[in-house]
Each structure stands twice: as C-alpha cells, then as structure tokens.
C-alpha cells in the first residue's frame, strides 16, 4: 500500500492488502527495507457511551 497522508492518529492509504498482511502504523517513518518489525497487540479502543437523559 501507499501512504497518502496522516490525519491525526489515522493513516490514509491507497492500495490493497492480501489476506494476513498488516500495515505499520506507529514508527513507519523509521522503517527501511529489511528492518525487523515486532508486532504489539494493543487493547481495543474504548467504545463511546452515550449518557441517558
């Protein structure tokens, strides 16, 4: 894929991923060909809860 732009903490990309492929979203600017990457599993983002009125 190709990075089109960053929008805050989100990356806008163009292209397709094959099944099982992943995208580096943190520190991608430091990655060069052959760089070893370690996957960090992060907890899911908290869900918004609307207050009852």
Protein backbone atom coordinates (compact mmCIF):
# COMPACT_ATOMS: atom_id res chain seq x y z
CA UNK A 1 0.00 0.00 0.00
CA UNK A 2 0.98 3.63 -0.35
CA UNK A 3 0.64 6.18 2.45
CA UNK A 4 -1.44 9.06 1.11
CA UNK A 5 -1.47 11.21 4.26
CA UNK A 6 -1.71 11.16 8.02
CA UNK A 7 -4.89 12.51 9.60
CA UNK A 8 -4.20 12.81 13.31
CA UNK A 9 -3.69 9.27 14.60
CA UNK A 10 -5.15 7.75 11.42
CA UNK A 11 -3.34 6.84 8.23
CA UNK A 12 -4.98 7.20 4.83
CA UNK A 13 -3.57 4.58 2.47
CA UNK A 14 -4.08 3.58 -1.15
CA UNK A 15 -3.81 0.04 -2.45
CA UNK A 16 -4.74 -3.46 -1.44
CA UNK A 17 -3.56 -5.90 1.20
CA UNK A 18 -3.56 -9.65 0.77
CA UNK A 19 -5.17 -11.77 3.48
CA UNK A 20 -2.99 -11.75 6.59
CA UNK A 21 -0.89 -8.73 5.59
CA UNK A 22 -0.61 -5.88 8.08
CA UNK A 23 0.25 -2.19 7.94
CA UNK A 24 2.79 -0.48 10.21
CA UNK A 25 1.04 2.48 11.80
CA UNK A 26 3.49 3.55 14.51
CA UNK A 27 7.05 4.45 13.58
CA UNK A 28 6.63 3.77 9.87
CA UNK A 29 8.94 6.70 9.05
CA UNK A 30 11.85 4.76 10.63
CA UNK A 31 11.33 1.55 8.65
CA UNK A 32 13.59 0.68 5.74
CA UNK A 33 13.82 -2.45 3.62
CA UNK A 34 14.95 -5.37 5.75
CA UNK A 35 14.02 -3.76 9.08
CA UNK A 36 12.76 -6.29 11.61
CA UNK A 37 9.33 -5.36 12.96
CA UNK A 38 7.79 -6.57 16.21
CA UNK A 39 4.00 -6.58 16.42
CA UNK A 40 2.46 -5.02 19.52
CA UNK A 41 -1.04 -6.12 20.35
CA UNK A 42 -2.98 -3.20 21.73
CA UNK A 43 -6.29 -3.38 23.56
CA UNK A 44 -9.33 -2.30 21.53
CA UNK A 45 -10.22 1.37 21.67
CA UNK A 46 -12.88 2.21 24.26
CA UNK A 47 -16.41 2.45 22.92
CA UNK A 48 -18.31 5.71 23.20
CA UNK A 49 -21.10 5.57 25.72
CA UNK A 50 -23.98 8.00 25.42
CA UNK A 51 -25.42 9.30 28.66
CA UNK A 52 -29.09 8.59 29.37
CA UNK A 53 -31.22 11.70 29.77
